[in-house]
Amino acid sequence: MSIFPMISPPDDQSGQTQALPLCREVAWDFEHDVPVFRGGEPVVATKKEALKVWIWRALRTPRFKYEIYTWAYGSEFESLLGQAYTDAVKTAEAPRYLRECLLINPYITAVKDISVTFEAARLTVKGTAVTIYGEVDFNAIV
């Protein structure tokens, strides 16, 4: 029995983590920003290709805007655009927003090589997501 009843230890104390299921997403046509269909059925991407789709969509989806998504999903980049923040503040905050956006995915373990560019009302983010399947490079305009 714990003296802290509201804080309980994890049920599995063996130190082993549960394996994640295969990462799957509907394949995405990044050039036209639409899902890929063949014969009327969606094409399914797995592993690294599925994570590329998830990253693309998460970066381009504003957090808190759509009720269909949890509040943990999406990015907060919109809050940096069109504001009177200095470029130094925007450049410092954007990588943090990027990490917060991507690291909620259990398949992504780290984000590195982040590059952020602001041009008028456009923000371009580039980097590499370290995943359980290997590294995934990303480049998105948000």
C-alpha atoms as a PDB file:
ATOM      1  CA  MET A   1       0.000   0.000   0.000  1.00  0.00           C
ATOM      2  CA  SER A   2       1.300   3.421  -0.943  1.00  0.00           C
ATOM      3  CA  ILE A   3       1.289   6.480   1.257  1.00  0.00           C
ATOM      4  CA  PHE A   4       0.409   8.396  -1.914  1.00  0.00           C
ATOM      5  CA  PRO A   5      -2.929   6.845  -2.901  1.00  0.00           C
ATOM      6  CA  MET A   6      -3.384   9.099  -5.962  1.00  0.00           C
ATOM      7  CA  ILE A   7      -0.054   8.008  -7.431  1.00  0.00           C
ATOM      8  CA  SER A   8       0.131   4.357  -8.261  1.00  0.00           C
ATOM      9  CA  PRO A   9       3.058   2.484  -9.795  1.00  0.00           C
ATOM     10  CA  PRO A  10       2.656   1.032 -13.277  1.00  0.00           C
ATOM     11  CA  ASP A  11       0.988  -2.378 -13.370  1.00  0.00           C
ATOM     12  CA  ASP A  12       3.875  -3.969 -15.251  1.00  0.00           C
ATOM     13  CA  GLN A  13       6.947  -3.696 -13.063  1.00  0.00           C
ATOM     14  CA  SER A  14       9.086  -6.058 -15.117  1.00  0.00           C
ATOM     15  CA  GLY A  15      10.682  -3.125 -16.970  1.00  0.00           C
ATOM     16  CA  GLN A  16       9.542  -4.431 -20.337  1.00  0.00           C
ATOM     17  CA  THR A  17       7.518  -2.217 -22.596  1.00  0.00           C
ATOM     18  CA  GLN A  18       4.649  -3.414 -24.689  1.00  0.00           C
ATOM     19  CA  ALA A  19       5.377  -3.628 -28.419  1.00  0.00           C
ATOM     20  CA  LEU A  20       3.611  -1.109 -30.627  1.00  0.00           C
ATOM     21  CA  PRO A  21       1.414  -2.389 -33.444  1.00  0.00           C
ATOM     22  CA  LEU A  22       2.499  -1.788 -37.030  1.00  0.00           C
ATOM     23  CA  CYS A  23       2.170   1.914 -37.866  1.00  0.00           C
ATOM     24  CA  ARG A  24      -0.427   2.351 -40.634  1.00  0.00           C
ATOM     25  CA  GLU A  25      -1.885   5.408 -42.375  1.00  0.00           C
ATOM     26  CA  VAL A  26      -3.716   6.099 -45.604  1.00  0.00           C
ATOM     27  CA  ALA A  27      -1.063   6.890 -48.250  1.00  0.00           C
ATOM     28  CA  TRP A  28      -0.831  10.573 -49.131  1.00  0.00           C
ATOM     29  CA  ASP A  29      -0.147  12.483 -52.348  1.00  0.00           C
ATOM     30  CA  PHE A  30       1.951  15.310 -50.878  1.00  0.00           C
ATOM     31  CA  GLU A  31       2.030  17.300 -54.113  1.00  0.00           C
ATOM     32  CA  HIS A  32      -1.774  17.565 -54.336  1.00  0.00           C
ATOM     33  CA  ASP A  33      -2.387  17.219 -50.565  1.00  0.00           C
ATOM     34  CA  VAL A  34      -4.962  14.418 -50.939  1.00  0.00           C
ATOM     35  CA  PRO A  35      -5.191  10.760 -49.903  1.00  0.00           C
ATOM     36  CA  VAL A  36      -4.241   8.103 -52.464  1.00  0.00           C
ATOM     37  CA  PHE A  37      -6.934   5.758 -53.771  1.00  0.00           C
ATOM     38  CA  ARG A  38      -6.704   2.779 -56.149  1.00  0.00           C
ATOM     39  CA  GLY A  39      -9.790   1.079 -57.457  1.00  0.00           C
ATOM     40  CA  GLY A  40     -11.938   3.160 -55.114  1.00  0.00           C
ATOM     41  CA  GLU A  41     -10.093   1.920 -52.030  1.00  0.00           C
ATOM     42  CA  PRO A  42      -7.553   3.869 -49.959  1.00  0.00           C
ATOM     43  CA  VAL A  43      -3.947   2.750 -50.307  1.00  0.00           C
ATOM     44  CA  VAL A  44      -2.397   1.903 -46.934  1.00  0.00           C
ATOM     45  CA  ALA A  45       1.142   2.998 -46.085  1.00  0.00           C
ATOM     46  CA  THR A  46       3.094   1.309 -43.301  1.00  0.00           C
ATOM     47  CA  LYS A  47       6.165   1.959 -41.167  1.00  0.00           C
ATOM     48  CA  LYS A  48       8.287   4.919 -42.339  1.00  0.00           C
ATOM     49  CA  GLU A  49       5.902   5.870 -45.150  1.00  0.00           C
ATOM     50  CA  ALA A  50       3.002   5.919 -42.688  1.00  0.00           C
ATOM     51  CA  LEU A  51       4.995   8.128 -40.335  1.00  0.00           C
ATOM     52  CA  LYS A  52       5.760  10.554 -43.181  1.00  0.00           C
ATOM     53  CA  VAL A  53       2.006  10.911 -43.688  1.00  0.00           C
ATOM     54  CA  TRP A  54       1.324  11.301 -39.968  1.00  0.00           C
ATOM     55  CA  ILE A  55       4.057  13.949 -39.616  1.00  0.00           C
ATOM     56  CA  TRP A  56       2.825  15.876 -42.670  1.00  0.00           C
ATOM     57  CA  ARG A  57      -0.743  15.937 -41.426  1.00  0.00           C
ATOM     58  CA  ALA A  58       0.135  16.712 -37.796  1.00  0.00           C
ATOM     59  CA  LEU A  59       2.340  19.657 -38.785  1.00  0.00           C
ATOM     60  CA  ARG A  60      -0.346  21.101 -41.055  1.00  0.00           C
ATOM     61  CA  THR A  61      -3.278  20.618 -38.654  1.00  0.00           C
ATOM     62  CA  PRO A  62      -3.837  23.497 -36.222  1.00  0.00           C
ATOM     63  CA  ARG A  63      -4.078  22.263 -32.641  1.00  0.00           C
ATOM     64  CA  PHE A  64      -7.372  22.923 -30.796  1.00  0.00           C
ATOM     65  CA  LYS A  65      -9.197  23.906 -34.018  1.00  0.00           C
ATOM     66  CA  TYR A  66     -11.037  20.705 -34.946  1.00  0.00           C
ATOM     67  CA  GLU A  67     -13.190  18.733 -32.516  1.00  0.00           C
ATOM     68  CA  ILE A  68     -12.424  15.475 -34.318  1.00  0.00           C
ATOM     69  CA  TYR A  69      -8.819  15.530 -33.005  1.00  0.00           C
ATOM     70  CA  THR A  70      -7.619  15.379 -29.418  1.00  0.00           C
ATOM     71  CA  TRP A  71      -6.022  18.506 -28.004  1.00  0.00           C
ATOM     72  CA  ALA A  72      -2.654  16.736 -28.130  1.00  0.00           C
ATOM     73  CA  TYR A  73      -2.762  16.403 -31.953  1.00  0.00           C
ATOM     74  CA  GLY A  74      -1.618  19.120 -34.323  1.00  0.00           C
ATOM     75  CA  SER A  75       0.681  22.111 -34.188  1.00  0.00           C
ATOM     76  CA  GLU A  76       0.495  25.601 -32.752  1.00  0.00           C
ATOM     77  CA  PHE A  77       2.432  27.316 -35.537  1.00  0.00           C
ATOM     78  CA  GLU A  78      -0.568  29.508 -36.392  1.00  0.00           C
ATOM     79  CA  SER A  79      -0.004  31.404 -33.154  1.00  0.00           C
ATOM     80  CA  LEU A  80       3.394  32.575 -34.465  1.00  0.00           C
ATOM     81  CA  LEU A  81       2.188  33.830 -37.826  1.00  0.00           C
ATOM     82  CA  GLY A  82       0.856  37.355 -38.153  1.00  0.00           C
ATOM     83  CA  GLN A  83       1.918  38.276 -34.630  1.00  0.00           C
ATOM     84  CA  ALA A  84       4.134  41.141 -33.532  1.00  0.00           C
ATOM     85  CA  TYR A  85       6.741  38.771 -32.113  1.00  0.00           C
ATOM     86  CA  THR A  86      10.327  39.440 -33.074  1.00  0.00           C
ATOM     87  CA  ASP A  87      11.993  37.066 -35.503  1.00  0.00           C
ATOM     88  CA  ALA A  88      14.210  35.852 -32.663  1.00  0.00           C
ATOM     89  CA  VAL A  89      11.186  34.846 -30.585  1.00  0.00           C
ATOM     90  CA  LYS A  90       9.521  33.110 -33.543  1.00  0.00           C
ATOM     91  CA  THR A  91      12.717  31.268 -34.411  1.00  0.00           C
ATOM     92  CA  ALA A  92      13.139  30.146 -30.803  1.00  0.00           C
ATOM     93  CA  GLU A  93       9.530  29.026 -30.308  1.00  0.00           C
ATOM     94  CA  ALA A  94       9.005  27.196 -33.610  1.00  0.00           C
ATOM     95  CA  PRO A  95      11.371  24.278 -32.801  1.00  0.00           C
ATOM     96  CA  ARG A  96       9.636  23.821 -29.442  1.00  0.00           C
ATOM     97  CA  TYR A  97       6.230  23.762 -31.146  1.00  0.00           C
ATOM     98  CA  LEU A  98       7.613  21.286 -33.661  1.00  0.00           C
ATOM     99  CA  ARG A  99       8.848  18.896 -30.964  1.00  0.00           C
ATOM    100  CA  GLU A 100       5.581  19.191 -29.017  1.00  0.00           C
ATOM    101  CA  CYS A 101       3.668  18.355 -32.187  1.00  0.00           C
ATOM    102  CA  LEU A 102       5.668  15.290 -33.185  1.00  0.00           C
ATOM    103  CA  LEU A 103       6.752  13.715 -29.917  1.00  0.00           C
ATOM    104  CA  ILE A 104       3.204  12.787 -28.892  1.00  0.00           C
ATOM    105  CA  ASN A 105       3.476   9.973 -31.430  1.00  0.00           C
ATOM    106  CA  PRO A 106       4.833   6.856 -29.655  1.00  0.00           C
ATOM    107  CA  TYR A 107       6.627   5.773 -32.846  1.00  0.00           C
ATOM    108  CA  ILE A 108       8.732   8.959 -32.832  1.00  0.00           C
ATOM    109  CA  THR A 109      11.544   8.988 -30.270  1.00  0.00           C
ATOM    110  CA  ALA A 110      13.334  12.244 -31.148  1.00  0.00           C
ATOM    111  CA  VAL A 111      13.405  15.170 -33.558  1.00  0.00           C
ATOM    112  CA  LYS A 112      16.710  16.539 -34.847  1.00  0.00           C
ATOM    113  CA  ASP A 113      18.272  18.765 -37.513  1.00  0.00           C
ATOM    114  CA  ILE A 114      15.443  21.287 -37.222  1.00  0.00           C
ATOM    115  CA  SER A 115      15.377  24.202 -39.644  1.00  0.00           C
ATOM    116  CA  VAL A 116      12.749  26.945 -39.481  1.00  0.00           C
ATOM    117  CA  THR A 117      12.206  29.673 -42.085  1.00  0.00           C
ATOM    118  CA  PHE A 118       9.672  32.516 -41.873  1.00  0.00           C
ATOM    119  CA  GLU A 119       8.658  34.339 -45.044  1.00  0.00           C
ATOM    120  CA  ALA A 120       5.710  36.733 -44.690  1.00  0.00           C
ATOM    121  CA  ALA A 121       2.757  34.538 -43.675  1.00  0.00           C
ATOM    122  CA  ARG A 122       4.523  31.251 -44.470  1.00  0.00           C
ATOM    123  CA  LEU A 123       6.514  29.063 -42.172  1.00  0.00           C
ATOM    124  CA  THR A 124       8.678  26.268 -43.548  1.00  0.00           C
ATOM    125  CA  VAL A 125       9.875  23.557 -41.173  1.00  0.00           C
ATOM    126  CA  LYS A 126      12.427  20.890 -42.021  1.00  0.00           C
ATOM    127  CA  GLY A 127      14.044  18.222 -39.944  1.00  0.00           C
ATOM    128  CA  THR A 128      14.465  14.568 -39.185  1.00  0.00           C
ATOM    129  CA  ALA A 129      12.237  12.444 -36.973  1.00  0.00           C
ATOM    130  CA  VAL A 130      13.978   9.536 -35.289  1.00  0.00           C
ATOM    131  CA  THR A 131      11.448   6.698 -35.231  1.00  0.00           C
ATOM    132  CA  ILE A 132      11.360   3.059 -34.239  1.00  0.00           C
ATOM    133  CA  TYR A 133      11.631   2.296 -37.975  1.00  0.00           C
ATOM    134  CA  GLY A 134      14.612   4.574 -38.634  1.00  0.00           C
ATOM    135  CA  GLU A 135      14.968   8.221 -39.540  1.00  0.00           C
ATOM    136  CA  VAL A 136      12.280  10.087 -41.488  1.00  0.00           C
ATOM    137  CA  ASP A 137      13.089  13.430 -43.113  1.00  0.00           C
ATOM    138  CA  PHE A 138      10.287  15.958 -43.328  1.00  0.00           C
ATOM    139  CA  ASN A 139       9.722  19.294 -45.023  1.00  0.00           C
ATOM    140  CA  ALA A 140       6.410  21.127 -44.649  1.00  0.00           C
ATOM    141  CA  ILE A 141       5.003  24.556 -45.268  1.00  0.00           C
ATOM    142  CA  VAL A 142       2.514  25.463 -42.575  1.00  0.00           C
END
